[in-house]
Amino acid sequence: MTTSVRFDDLIEKRLDELAKKTGRSKSFYIRELVESHLDDLEDYYLGNSGLEAVREGKEKIHSSASVREQLGLDD
C-alpha cells in the first residue's frame, strides 16, 4: 500500500541530508518514524477521544468500588 505525505521544506531537507549521509532512502526513515511512534499516537488520540466521550456523557464510567462489588471481589 502506498501513502503520500507532504513535508515542509525544512523536514524535506533534513530527510534528504540524512538519506544522503547514510545511504538509506527517505522512505526507510519515514517508515521507521511511523513504526516507532504509531503506538504512542494511537494511545494519545484514541485516549483523548475516549475522554471526550466520557465528558460528553456518551461513555459510562464506574468507580473501582462499584466494580469490585458487582464482581463480588469485596468478600
N, C-alpha and C. Protein backbone atom coordinates (compact mmCIF):
# COMPACT_ATOMS: atom_id res chain seq x y z
N MET A 1 0.85 -1.17 0.00
CA MET A 1 0.00 0.00 0.00
C MET A 1 0.89 1.24 0.00
N THR A 2 0.49 2.24 -0.71
CA THR A 2 1.26 3.47 -0.81
C THR A 2 0.48 4.62 -0.21
N THR A 3 1.17 5.45 0.55
CA THR A 3 0.59 6.64 1.14
C THR A 3 1.49 7.82 0.82
N SER A 4 0.91 8.92 0.43
CA SER A 4 1.70 10.12 0.13
C SER A 4 1.67 11.07 1.33
N VAL A 5 2.81 11.69 1.57
CA VAL A 5 2.93 12.64 2.68
C VAL A 5 3.66 13.87 2.16
N ARG A 6 3.17 15.04 2.53
CA ARG A 6 3.85 16.29 2.16
C ARG A 6 4.52 16.84 3.41
N PHE A 7 5.78 17.21 3.27
CA PHE A 7 6.53 17.80 4.36
C PHE A 7 6.90 19.24 4.00
N ASP A 8 7.12 20.05 5.05
CA ASP A 8 7.60 21.39 4.75
C ASP A 8 9.06 21.31 4.30
N ASP A 9 9.58 22.40 3.79
CA ASP A 9 10.91 22.40 3.18
C ASP A 9 12.01 21.98 4.16
N LEU A 10 11.91 22.40 5.41
CA LEU A 10 12.94 22.06 6.39
C LEU A 10 12.98 20.56 6.66
N ILE A 11 11.83 19.94 6.84
CA ILE A 11 11.77 18.49 7.08
C ILE A 11 12.29 17.75 5.85
N GLU A 12 11.88 18.19 4.68
CA GLU A 12 12.33 17.55 3.44
C GLU A 12 13.85 17.64 3.31
N LYS A 13 14.41 18.79 3.62
CA LYS A 13 15.86 18.98 3.54
C LYS A 13 16.58 18.08 4.54
N ARG A 14 16.06 17.99 5.75
CA ARG A 14 16.68 17.13 6.76
C ARG A 14 16.64 15.67 6.35
N LEU A 15 15.51 15.23 5.81
CA LEU A 15 15.41 13.85 5.32
C LEU A 15 16.39 13.60 4.17
N ASP A 16 16.49 14.56 3.25
CA ASP A 16 17.43 14.43 2.14
C ASP A 16 18.85 14.28 2.65
N GLU A 17 19.24 15.11 3.59
CA GLU A 17 20.59 15.07 4.15
C GLU A 17 20.86 13.74 4.86
N LEU A 18 19.91 13.31 5.65
CA LEU A 18 20.06 12.05 6.38
C LEU A 18 20.22 10.89 5.41
N ALA A 19 19.38 10.87 4.39
CA ALA A 19 19.44 9.80 3.40
C ALA A 19 20.78 9.83 2.65
N LYS A 20 21.21 11.01 2.26
CA LYS A 20 22.46 11.13 1.53
C LYS A 20 23.65 10.69 2.39
N LYS A 21 23.67 11.10 3.64
CA LYS A 21 24.81 10.79 4.52
C LYS A 21 24.86 9.32 4.94
N THR A 22 23.72 8.66 4.95
CA THR A 22 23.68 7.28 5.44
C THR A 22 23.52 6.24 4.34
N GLY A 23 23.17 6.68 3.14
CA GLY A 23 22.97 5.74 2.05
C GLY A 23 21.64 5.00 2.11
N ARG A 24 20.77 5.40 2.98
CA ARG A 24 19.44 4.80 3.04
C ARG A 24 18.44 5.75 2.38
N SER A 25 17.27 5.22 2.08
CA SER A 25 16.26 6.05 1.41
C SER A 25 15.46 6.87 2.43
N LYS A 26 14.87 7.94 1.93
CA LYS A 26 13.98 8.74 2.78
C LYS A 26 12.81 7.86 3.24
N SER A 27 12.33 7.00 2.35
CA SER A 27 11.22 6.10 2.71
C SER A 27 11.56 5.23 3.91
N PHE A 28 12.81 4.78 3.97
CA PHE A 28 13.25 3.98 5.11
C PHE A 28 13.05 4.74 6.41
N TYR A 29 13.50 5.99 6.45
CA TYR A 29 13.40 6.78 7.68
C TYR A 29 11.96 7.16 8.01
N ILE A 30 11.18 7.44 7.01
CA ILE A 30 9.77 7.76 7.26
C ILE A 30 9.05 6.54 7.83
N ARG A 31 9.32 5.37 7.25
CA ARG A 31 8.73 4.12 7.76
C ARG A 31 9.18 3.86 9.20
N GLU A 32 10.46 4.07 9.48
CA GLU A 32 10.99 3.90 10.84
C GLU A 32 10.27 4.82 11.83
N LEU A 33 10.08 6.07 11.44
CA LEU A 33 9.40 7.03 12.31
C LEU A 33 7.97 6.60 12.61
N VAL A 34 7.26 6.22 11.58
CA VAL A 34 5.86 5.82 11.76
C VAL A 34 5.77 4.56 12.62
N GLU A 35 6.59 3.56 12.31
CA GLU A 35 6.52 2.31 13.06
C GLU A 35 6.92 2.50 14.52
N SER A 36 7.86 3.37 14.79
CA SER A 36 8.32 3.53 16.17
C SER A 36 7.41 4.44 17.01
N HIS A 37 6.55 5.23 16.36
CA HIS A 37 5.71 6.16 17.12
C HIS A 37 4.21 5.94 16.96
N LEU A 38 3.80 4.99 16.14
CA LEU A 38 2.38 4.78 15.91
C LEU A 38 1.65 4.37 17.19
N ASP A 39 2.26 3.51 18.01
CA ASP A 39 1.63 3.12 19.28
C ASP A 39 1.34 4.33 20.15
N ASP A 40 2.30 5.25 20.24
CA ASP A 40 2.13 6.45 21.05
C ASP A 40 1.00 7.32 20.50
N LEU A 41 0.96 7.48 19.19
CA LEU A 41 -0.10 8.28 18.58
C LEU A 41 -1.48 7.67 18.81
N GLU A 42 -1.56 6.35 18.67
CA GLU A 42 -2.85 5.68 18.93
C GLU A 42 -3.27 5.87 20.37
N ASP A 43 -2.35 5.66 21.30
CA ASP A 43 -2.67 5.85 22.72
C ASP A 43 -3.17 7.26 22.98
N TYR A 44 -2.47 8.23 22.45
CA TYR A 44 -2.83 9.62 22.70
C TYR A 44 -4.18 10.00 22.09
N TYR A 45 -4.32 9.77 20.79
CA TYR A 45 -5.53 10.23 20.11
C TYR A 45 -6.76 9.40 20.44
N LEU A 46 -6.60 8.08 20.58
CA LEU A 46 -7.74 7.26 20.94
C LEU A 46 -8.12 7.48 22.41
N GLY A 47 -7.12 7.70 23.25
CA GLY A 47 -7.39 8.03 24.65
C GLY A 47 -8.15 9.33 24.77
N ASN A 48 -7.73 10.33 24.00
CA ASN A 48 -8.43 11.62 24.03
C ASN A 48 -9.86 11.51 23.54
N SER A 49 -10.08 10.70 22.51
CA SER A 49 -11.45 10.56 22.02
C SER A 49 -12.32 9.84 23.06
N GLY A 50 -11.73 8.89 23.77
CA GLY A 50 -12.47 8.22 24.86
C GLY A 50 -12.80 9.18 25.99
N LEU A 51 -11.84 10.02 26.33
CA LEU A 51 -12.07 11.02 27.38
C LEU A 51 -13.16 12.00 26.98
N GLU A 52 -13.15 12.42 25.72
CA GLU A 52 -14.21 13.32 25.24
C GLU A 52 -15.57 12.64 25.31
N ALA A 53 -15.64 11.36 24.99
CA ALA A 53 -16.91 10.63 25.06
C ALA A 53 -17.41 10.58 26.49
N VAL A 54 -16.52 10.41 27.45
CA VAL A 54 -16.91 10.43 28.87
C VAL A 54 -17.42 11.81 29.24
N ARG A 55 -16.69 12.84 28.87
CA ARG A 55 -17.08 14.22 29.19
C ARG A 55 -18.44 14.58 28.58
N GLU A 56 -18.72 14.05 27.41
CA GLU A 56 -19.99 14.35 26.73
C GLU A 56 -21.12 13.43 27.19
N GLY A 57 -20.83 12.52 28.11
CA GLY A 57 -21.85 11.61 28.61
C GLY A 57 -22.17 10.46 27.68
N LYS A 58 -21.32 10.23 26.70
CA LYS A 58 -21.55 9.13 25.74
C LYS A 58 -20.96 7.82 26.21
N GLU A 59 -20.08 7.86 27.20
CA GLU A 59 -19.47 6.67 27.79
C GLU A 59 -19.73 6.66 29.27
N LYS A 60 -20.05 5.50 29.80
CA LYS A 60 -20.27 5.37 31.24
C LYS A 60 -18.93 5.16 31.93
N ILE A 61 -18.84 5.64 33.16
CA ILE A 61 -17.68 5.35 33.97
C ILE A 61 -18.15 4.66 35.25
N HIS A 62 -17.27 3.88 35.83
CA HIS A 62 -17.61 3.12 37.03
C HIS A 62 -16.49 3.29 38.05
N SER A 63 -16.86 3.45 39.31
CA SER A 63 -15.84 3.54 40.35
C SER A 63 -15.27 2.15 40.60
N SER A 64 -14.07 2.11 41.14
CA SER A 64 -13.46 0.81 41.44
C SER A 64 -14.28 0.08 42.51
N ALA A 65 -14.88 0.83 43.42
CA ALA A 65 -15.69 0.21 44.47
C ALA A 65 -16.92 -0.48 43.87
N SER A 66 -17.59 0.17 42.93
CA SER A 66 -18.78 -0.44 42.33
C SER A 66 -18.41 -1.65 41.48
N VAL A 67 -17.27 -1.60 40.81
CA VAL A 67 -16.83 -2.74 40.00
C VAL A 67 -16.50 -3.92 40.90
N ARG A 68 -15.78 -3.66 42.00
CA ARG A 68 -15.46 -4.75 42.94
C ARG A 68 -16.73 -5.36 43.51
N GLU A 69 -17.70 -4.51 43.83
CA GLU A 69 -18.96 -5.00 44.38
C GLU A 69 -19.71 -5.86 43.36
N GLN A 70 -19.82 -5.38 42.12
CA GLN A 70 -20.52 -6.11 41.07
C GLN A 70 -19.86 -7.45 40.75
N LEU A 71 -18.54 -7.50 40.88
CA LEU A 71 -17.81 -8.74 40.59
C LEU A 71 -17.64 -9.63 41.80
N GLY A 72 -18.14 -9.17 42.94
CA GLY A 72 -18.04 -9.96 44.16
C GLY A 72 -16.62 -10.06 44.69
N LEU A 73 -15.83 -9.03 44.49
CA LEU A 73 -14.44 -9.06 44.91
C LEU A 73 -14.23 -8.48 46.31
N ASP A 74 -15.29 -7.98 46.94
CA ASP A 74 -15.15 -7.39 48.27
C ASP A 74 -15.31 -8.42 49.38
N ASP A 75 -15.52 -9.67 49.02
CA ASP A 75 -15.75 -10.71 50.04
C ASP A 75 -14.52 -10.98 50.84
